[in-house]
Protein backbone atom coordinates (compact mmCIF):
# COMPACT_ATOMS: atom_id res chain seq x y z
CA MET A 1 126.98 88.31 110.73
CA TYR A 2 126.88 84.66 111.75
CA THR A 3 128.68 81.80 109.98
CA LYS A 4 126.99 78.46 109.26
CA GLU A 5 128.64 76.73 112.22
CA GLU A 6 127.74 79.64 114.56
CA VAL A 7 124.11 79.42 113.46
CA LEU A 8 124.06 75.65 114.08
CA ALA A 9 125.52 76.19 117.55
CA TYR A 10 123.08 79.03 118.29
CA VAL A 11 120.08 76.93 117.27
CA GLN A 12 121.16 74.11 119.58
CA GLU A 13 122.10 76.29 122.58
CA GLU A 14 119.17 78.70 122.44
CA ASP A 15 116.30 76.16 122.17
CA VAL A 16 115.38 77.08 118.59
CA LYS A 17 112.72 74.69 117.26
CA PHE A 18 111.70 76.20 113.94
CA ILE A 19 113.63 77.94 111.19
CA ARG A 20 111.81 79.97 108.56
CA LEU A 21 113.56 80.01 105.19
CA ALA A 22 112.51 83.27 103.54
CA PHE A 23 112.67 84.58 99.98
CA CYS A 24 110.76 87.05 97.80
CA ASP A 25 108.77 86.51 94.60
CA LEU A 26 109.06 88.68 91.48
CA LEU A 27 106.91 91.46 93.01
CA GLY A 28 108.86 91.47 96.29
CA ARG A 29 106.23 89.63 98.35
CA GLN A 30 107.93 87.67 101.11
CA LYS A 31 107.43 83.89 101.16
CA ASN A 32 108.79 81.24 103.51
CA ILE A 33 108.91 77.58 104.43
CA SER A 34 109.42 76.39 108.01
CA ILE A 35 111.75 73.53 108.89
CA LEU A 36 112.54 71.88 112.22
CA SER A 37 115.95 72.64 113.74
CA ASP A 38 117.36 69.16 113.04
CA GLU A 39 116.91 69.81 109.32
CA LEU A 40 119.09 72.94 109.34
CA ARG A 41 122.42 71.27 108.51
CA ARG A 42 120.80 69.62 105.49
CA ALA A 43 119.42 73.01 104.45
CA PHE A 44 122.91 74.52 104.54
CA GLU A 45 124.53 71.64 102.64
CA ASP A 46 121.89 70.40 100.23
CA GLY A 47 119.13 73.01 100.31
CA ILE A 48 115.39 72.57 100.97
CA SER A 49 113.25 71.97 97.92
CA PHE A 50 109.94 73.71 97.21
CA ASP A 51 107.36 73.71 94.45
CA ALA A 52 108.46 76.64 92.29
CA SER A 53 105.48 76.24 89.98
CA ALA A 54 103.25 77.46 92.85
CA ILE A 55 105.13 80.79 92.94
CA GLU A 56 103.85 82.95 90.13
CA GLY A 57 106.50 83.41 87.46
CA PHE A 58 109.10 81.10 89.00
CA SER A 59 108.78 77.86 87.06
CA SER A 60 106.47 75.45 85.22
CA VAL A 61 105.07 72.18 86.53
CA VAL A 62 107.39 70.30 84.17
CA LYS A 63 110.54 71.34 86.06
CA SER A 64 109.19 72.68 89.29
CA ASP A 65 111.86 71.91 91.88
CA LEU A 66 114.00 74.74 93.24
CA PHE A 67 116.11 74.71 96.41
CA LEU A 68 116.49 77.23 99.24
CA PHE A 69 119.95 77.71 100.79
CA PRO A 70 119.82 79.84 103.93
CA ASP A 71 122.23 82.79 104.25
CA PRO A 72 123.61 82.46 107.80
CA SER A 73 124.51 86.14 107.97
CA THR A 74 120.79 87.04 107.94
CA LEU A 75 119.79 85.10 111.06
CA SER A 76 117.23 86.87 113.24
CA VAL A 77 114.83 85.76 115.94
CA LEU A 78 111.10 86.40 115.44
CA PRO A 79 110.41 88.15 118.75
CA TRP A 80 106.66 87.73 118.65
CA ARG A 81 106.99 83.93 118.70
CA PRO A 82 107.45 81.95 121.99
CA THR A 83 110.74 82.35 123.84
CA THR A 84 110.67 78.64 124.64
CA GLY A 85 111.05 76.80 121.36
CA LYS A 86 112.24 79.95 119.50
CA VAL A 87 111.51 80.65 115.86
CA VAL A 88 114.28 82.22 113.72
CA ARG A 89 114.37 83.38 110.13
CA MET A 90 117.01 83.52 107.44
CA PHE A 91 116.82 84.85 103.89
CA CYS A 92 117.89 82.34 101.29
CA ASP A 93 119.60 81.99 97.95
CA ILE A 94 117.54 80.06 95.38
CA ARG A 95 119.22 77.43 93.19
CA TYR A 96 118.34 74.81 90.61
CA PRO A 97 118.76 71.11 91.50
CA ASP A 98 122.19 71.07 89.85
CA GLY A 99 123.34 73.83 92.21
CA THR A 100 123.39 76.69 89.70
CA GLN A 101 121.91 80.04 90.66
CA PHE A 102 118.23 80.67 89.87
CA GLU A 103 118.50 83.74 87.65
CA LYS A 104 115.11 85.18 88.63
CA ASP A 105 116.02 85.31 92.34
CA CYS A 106 115.67 89.04 93.00
CA ARG A 107 118.18 88.92 95.84
CA TYR A 108 120.74 87.40 93.45
CA ILE A 109 120.01 90.13 90.90
CA LEU A 110 120.77 92.79 93.56
CA LYS A 111 123.98 90.98 94.59
CA GLN A 112 125.13 91.07 90.97
CA ALA A 113 124.53 94.81 90.85
CA VAL A 114 126.56 95.30 94.05
CA LYS A 115 129.34 93.13 92.52
CA ALA A 116 129.34 95.31 89.39
CA ALA A 117 129.72 98.40 91.55
CA SER A 118 132.52 96.83 93.58
CA GLU A 119 134.42 95.93 90.43
CA LYS A 120 134.37 99.63 89.53
CA GLY A 121 135.69 100.52 93.00
CA ILE A 122 132.32 101.80 94.15
CA SER A 123 130.78 100.95 97.52
CA LEU A 124 127.20 101.95 98.34
CA ASN A 125 124.92 102.38 101.32
CA PHE A 126 121.13 102.42 100.95
CA GLY A 127 118.36 103.30 103.32
CA ALA A 128 114.61 103.24 102.79
CA GLU A 129 112.05 105.47 104.49
CA ILE A 130 108.78 103.56 104.28
CA GLU A 131 105.39 105.16 105.13
CA PHE A 132 102.23 103.30 106.02
CA TYR A 133 98.66 103.91 107.21
CA LEU A 134 97.02 102.23 110.19
CA PHE A 135 93.33 101.40 109.62
CA LYS A 136 90.68 99.98 111.94
CA LEU A 137 89.22 96.51 111.52
CA ASP A 138 85.50 95.76 111.29
CA GLU A 139 83.54 93.42 113.59
CA ASN A 140 84.71 90.45 111.51
CA GLY A 141 88.36 91.41 111.76
CA GLU A 142 88.53 92.60 108.14
CA PRO A 143 90.31 95.86 107.17
CA THR A 144 88.34 99.06 106.72
CA ASP A 145 89.40 102.43 105.30
CA ILE A 146 88.84 104.14 108.64
CA PRO A 147 92.16 105.58 109.93
CA ILE A 148 93.26 104.96 113.50
CA ASP A 149 93.31 108.73 114.13
CA ASN A 150 93.00 112.15 112.50
CA ALA A 151 96.37 113.46 113.63
CA THR A 152 98.73 115.38 111.31
CA TYR A 153 102.49 115.72 110.83
CA MET A 154 104.49 114.99 114.00
CA ASP A 155 101.41 115.37 116.27
CA ILE A 156 101.65 113.75 119.73
CA ALA A 157 99.24 111.76 121.85
CA PRO A 158 96.34 111.85 122.45
CA GLU A 159 95.76 113.06 118.82
CA ASP A 160 98.40 110.57 117.62
CA LYS A 161 96.97 107.13 118.42
CA GLY A 162 99.77 105.23 116.70
CA GLU A 163 102.47 106.18 119.19
CA ASN A 164 102.46 102.92 121.12
CA ILE A 165 102.32 100.80 117.99
CA ARG A 166 105.32 102.64 116.52
CA ARG A 167 107.17 102.08 119.81
CA GLU A 168 106.41 98.34 119.67
CA ILE A 169 107.52 98.19 116.05
CA CYS A 170 110.82 99.93 116.90
CA LEU A 171 111.50 97.54 119.83
CA THR A 172 110.69 94.57 117.64
CA LEU A 173 113.05 95.80 114.93
CA LEU A 174 115.83 96.24 117.52
CA ASP A 175 115.24 92.63 118.65
CA MET A 176 115.82 91.63 115.00
CA ASN A 177 119.08 93.61 114.78
CA ILE A 178 117.52 96.45 112.69
CA LYS A 179 118.24 99.82 114.24
CA PRO A 180 115.43 102.44 113.95
CA GLU A 181 116.61 106.05 113.69
CA SER A 182 113.34 107.86 114.26
CA SER A 183 109.58 107.48 114.13
CA HIS A 184 106.69 109.94 113.95
CA HIS A 185 103.16 110.52 112.72
CA GLU A 186 103.04 111.56 109.09
CA GLU A 187 100.76 114.08 107.36
CA GLY A 188 97.81 111.80 106.57
CA PRO A 189 95.22 110.62 109.13
CA GLY A 190 96.56 107.40 110.63
CA GLN A 191 99.76 107.69 108.57
CA ASN A 192 103.11 106.82 110.13
CA GLU A 193 106.80 106.67 109.26
CA ILE A 194 109.71 104.82 110.85
CA VAL A 195 113.23 105.42 109.53
CA PHE A 196 115.91 102.78 110.12
CA ASN A 197 119.64 102.83 109.76
CA TYR A 198 121.35 102.66 106.35
CA SER A 199 123.41 99.65 105.32
CA ASP A 200 124.81 97.84 102.28
CA PRO A 201 122.19 97.42 99.53
CA VAL A 202 121.42 93.74 100.07
CA THR A 203 121.03 94.16 103.84
CA ALA A 204 118.92 97.31 103.20
CA ALA A 205 116.60 95.36 100.90
CA ASP A 206 116.37 92.52 103.49
CA ASN A 207 115.56 95.12 106.09
CA ALA A 208 112.84 96.70 103.92
CA ALA A 209 111.19 93.32 103.43
CA THR A 210 111.50 92.56 107.15
CA PHE A 211 110.11 96.01 108.08
CA LYS A 212 106.84 95.45 106.20
CA MET A 213 106.39 92.05 107.82
CA VAL A 214 107.02 93.49 111.31
CA VAL A 215 104.67 96.46 110.79
CA ARG A 216 101.85 94.21 109.58
CA THR A 217 102.38 91.74 112.42
CA VAL A 218 102.51 94.36 115.18
CA ALA A 219 99.52 96.23 113.74
CA MET A 220 97.44 93.03 113.62
CA ARG A 221 98.45 92.11 117.21
CA ASN A 222 97.06 95.47 118.28
CA GLY A 223 93.83 95.08 116.34
CA PHE A 224 94.71 97.29 113.32
CA TYR A 225 95.58 96.87 109.68
CA ALA A 226 98.82 98.30 108.18
CA ASN A 227 98.29 99.53 104.63
CA PHE A 228 101.31 100.20 102.36
CA MET A 229 99.37 101.15 99.23
CA PRO A 230 100.73 104.30 97.55
CA LYS A 231 97.43 106.13 97.76
CA PRO A 232 95.02 104.43 100.19
CA LEU A 233 92.89 107.54 100.78
CA PRO A 234 91.90 109.96 97.96
CA GLY A 235 92.95 113.53 98.63
CA LYS A 236 95.30 112.55 101.47
CA SER A 237 99.04 112.06 101.53
CA GLY A 238 100.34 108.95 99.74
CA ASN A 239 102.78 106.34 101.10
CA GLY A 240 106.27 106.76 99.75
CA MET A 241 109.39 104.62 99.98
CA HIS A 242 112.08 107.28 99.75
CA ILE A 243 115.43 105.65 98.90
CA ASN A 244 118.56 107.26 100.26
CA MET A 245 121.87 106.41 98.59
CA SER A 246 125.44 107.29 99.51
CA ILE A 247 128.39 106.56 97.25
CA GLU A 248 132.05 106.05 98.08
CA SER A 249 134.91 105.15 95.76
CA ARG A 250 138.35 103.67 96.20
CA ASP A 251 139.82 106.43 94.07
CA GLY A 252 138.63 109.06 96.54
CA ILE A 253 136.65 110.95 93.87
CA ASP A 254 133.12 112.08 94.69
CA HIS A 255 130.98 110.35 92.06
CA SER A 256 127.66 111.41 93.60
CA GLU A 257 126.67 113.80 90.83
CA SER A 258 127.38 111.34 88.04
CA PHE A 259 125.55 108.60 89.96
CA MET A 260 122.55 110.93 90.35
CA ALA A 261 122.76 111.90 86.66
CA GLY A 262 122.55 108.25 85.65
CA ILE A 263 119.37 107.80 87.69
CA LEU A 264 117.87 110.96 86.14
CA LYS A 265 118.72 109.58 82.68
CA HIS A 266 117.09 106.18 83.20
CA ILE A 267 114.31 106.94 85.67
CA ARG A 268 111.47 106.93 83.13
CA GLU A 269 112.28 103.45 81.86
CA ILE A 270 112.69 101.99 85.38
CA THR A 271 109.71 103.72 87.00
CA LEU A 272 107.60 100.59 86.53
CA PHE A 273 109.80 98.83 89.08
CA MET A 274 109.68 101.79 91.51
CA ASN A 275 105.91 102.29 91.15
CA PRO A 276 104.39 98.94 90.10
CA CYS A 277 100.63 99.35 90.45
CA VAL A 278 97.78 101.49 89.16
CA ASN A 279 97.45 103.09 92.56
CA SER A 280 101.09 104.24 92.35
CA TYR A 281 100.24 106.88 89.75
CA MET A 282 97.49 108.39 91.89
CA ARG A 283 100.22 109.45 94.33
CA LEU A 284 102.79 111.03 91.98
CA GLY A 285 102.58 114.79 91.41
CA GLU A 286 100.95 115.91 94.66
CA ARG A 287 101.53 116.20 98.41
CA LYS A 288 105.35 116.02 98.21
CA ALA A 289 105.36 113.14 95.68
CA PRO A 290 107.33 114.16 92.57
CA LYS A 291 106.14 114.42 89.01
CA TYR A 292 109.07 116.02 87.19
CA ILE A 293 112.56 114.65 86.54
CA THR A 294 114.54 117.26 88.45
CA TRP A 295 116.85 117.61 91.41
CA SER A 296 117.65 120.25 94.01
CA PRO A 297 119.29 120.60 97.43
CA GLU A 298 116.79 120.07 100.30
CA ASN A 299 113.76 120.64 98.06
CA ARG A 300 110.92 118.17 98.73
CA SER A 301 109.10 118.94 95.50
CA GLN A 302 111.93 117.35 93.46
CA LEU A 303 112.43 113.81 92.18
CA ILE A 304 115.90 113.76 93.77
CA ARG A 305 116.63 115.76 96.87
CA VAL A 306 120.17 116.29 98.29
CA PRO A 307 119.53 116.55 102.05
CA ALA A 308 121.45 119.01 104.18
CA ALA A 309 123.87 116.50 105.71
CA THR A 310 127.61 116.08 106.02
CA GLY A 311 130.14 113.28 106.46
CA LYS A 312 128.81 109.73 106.48
CA TYR A 313 125.20 111.05 106.28
CA ARG A 314 125.82 112.84 102.93
CA ARG A 315 123.49 111.23 100.39
CA ILE A 316 120.97 111.64 97.61
CA GLU A 317 117.26 110.87 98.17
CA LEU A 318 115.03 109.48 95.42
CA ARG A 319 111.43 110.44 96.34
CA SER A 320 109.33 108.69 93.62
CA PRO A 321 109.33 105.01 94.74
CA ASP A 322 106.49 103.62 96.83
CA PRO A 323 106.24 100.66 99.24
CA MET A 324 104.71 98.32 96.63
CA ALA A 325 108.09 98.19 94.85
CA ASN A 326 110.28 95.12 95.14
CA PRO A 327 113.23 96.64 97.02
CA TYR A 328 115.76 94.18 95.57
CA ILE A 329 114.88 95.01 91.98
CA ALA A 330 114.49 98.75 92.69
CA PHE A 331 117.93 98.90 94.31
CA ALA A 332 119.56 96.86 91.57
CA LEU A 333 118.22 99.06 88.79
CA LEU A 334 119.25 102.23 90.63
CA ILE A 335 122.79 100.88 91.10
CA HIS A 336 123.12 100.08 87.40
CA ALA A 337 121.67 103.46 86.42
CA GLY A 338 124.12 105.21 88.72
CA LEU A 339 127.06 103.19 87.40
CA ASP A 340 126.06 104.21 83.87
CA GLY A 341 126.27 107.81 84.98
CA ILE A 342 129.72 107.25 86.51
CA ASN A 343 131.04 105.28 83.51
CA ASN A 344 130.00 108.04 81.15
CA ASN A 345 130.84 110.94 83.48
CA LEU A 346 127.31 112.30 83.16
CA LYS A 347 126.31 115.66 84.63
CA ALA A 348 123.05 116.23 86.50
CA GLY A 349 122.45 119.68 85.09
CA GLU A 350 121.34 122.73 87.03
CA PRO A 351 119.18 122.26 90.13
CA VAL A 352 115.57 123.45 89.96
CA ASN A 353 115.38 125.51 93.10
CA ILE A 354 111.66 126.22 93.12
CA ASP A 355 108.48 124.67 94.50
CA LEU A 356 107.27 122.54 91.59
CA PHE A 357 103.87 122.03 93.19
CA THR A 358 103.06 125.72 92.83
CA ALA A 359 105.28 126.65 89.88
CA ASP A 360 103.77 128.29 86.79
CA LYS A 361 103.12 126.12 83.76
CA SER A 362 105.54 128.26 81.77
CA ILE A 363 108.22 126.56 83.87
CA THR A 364 106.84 123.07 84.36
CA SER A 365 105.86 122.60 80.69
CA LYS A 366 109.56 122.55 79.82
CA LEU A 367 110.46 119.82 82.30
CA GLU A 368 110.61 116.11 81.55
CA GLN A 369 107.99 114.10 83.51
CA LEU A 370 107.72 110.71 85.10
CA PRO A 371 105.27 108.28 83.44
CA ALA A 372 101.70 109.42 84.12
CA SER A 373 100.17 105.94 84.30
CA LEU A 374 101.02 102.33 84.79
CA ALA A 375 100.36 101.66 81.09
CA GLU A 376 102.94 104.29 80.08
CA ALA A 377 105.46 102.86 82.55
CA VAL A 378 104.92 99.34 81.18
CA GLU A 379 105.59 100.49 77.60
CA LEU A 380 108.75 102.31 78.59
CA ALA A 381 110.12 99.30 80.52
CA LYS A 382 109.16 96.85 77.77
CA ASN A 383 111.07 98.83 75.17
CA SER A 384 114.05 99.69 77.37
CA ALA A 385 117.39 98.29 76.21
CA PHE A 386 118.77 99.29 79.65
CA VAL A 387 116.19 97.26 81.60
CA ASN A 388 116.47 94.27 79.31
CA ALA A 389 120.27 94.29 79.60
CA ILE A 390 120.11 94.04 83.37
CA LEU A 391 117.13 91.87 84.19
CA PRO A 392 116.70 88.34 82.73
CA ARG A 393 114.42 88.46 79.68
CA GLU A 394 111.92 86.02 81.20
CA PHE A 395 111.86 88.04 84.46
CA VAL A 396 110.89 91.21 82.51
CA GLU A 397 108.25 89.38 80.45
CA LEU A 398 106.67 87.80 83.52
CA TYR A 399 106.80 91.12 85.49
CA LEU A 400 105.11 92.93 82.61
């Protein structure tokens, strides 16, 4: 957690030549601009301008200037760049020329959600479990749909051919101050998962964005393509982005159930932002991806699972989101939904302690369902008073 002066000193002492100023667009795609190290003080004090009209949904050509102000606490070295003449990266706040906050900055939207929780005496930790496939490249270096292996859940080498790549990813994350907890082969052929440590929501979203960049970079360096699509192979396991959330309050009361109840209440209208593409809805409802709006302890057929954990690891796990989601917006909406549950003392109802993938229709027909298609999710979000009260109106319109 560096300060501005510490970053300036580090850059000078450690032979840093380039600084990447990073941010995300509306859909959560990471963007950046590189500056030389002698421009860094100006970046901290005055910001670095960029053409916002070239970023879809940010601005028009009439008033196209926005400014990036690096957040010194997010400094990390890019380990795959040269050690002589280092390259570092910082996430940025986005502001207008007059210094006011750019309201469509998704990182700012998440910060406002965290602030709203703090004002209620609520502190949160988030962690994302992001799955991905590794595919081979063709003779021209273009991605194919041929998996790196045909291994299954938690297989080992030689069946698991992604072992060394996962190791390199984990070591790279450590070099960037992101601590991996575990890694393994997932159920699908060529499918992998790396779990990293939980943190505050903004850092967790930064880490999720960084994770995807690192995975893609390491995969490409090894001659493979990392695919985060929710359903890259028909009939095989989809890629999820399970979101783990733990809640603490200054009053010492356990608000976890009310927080969970708020998410269950609002999940249909915010699903668009958890599952933002057509391919997302090919994943839901099969192979451990939820379809019904239910919860249960430990049960992986549920929308929300309460893992068997105690102490600081006690949490709730939302299983519907996928890696195409913008983590900043997904986290922000989940926080506001949970706060609504706390403010209104909502109850989550009885757990559904059955396997919903094999349950009889006499049971499942009575359960509320997630949107079945992108079109349905769009309509629910468009008409949601909850969504439109949280996200700027223009952000919602552009996203839709």
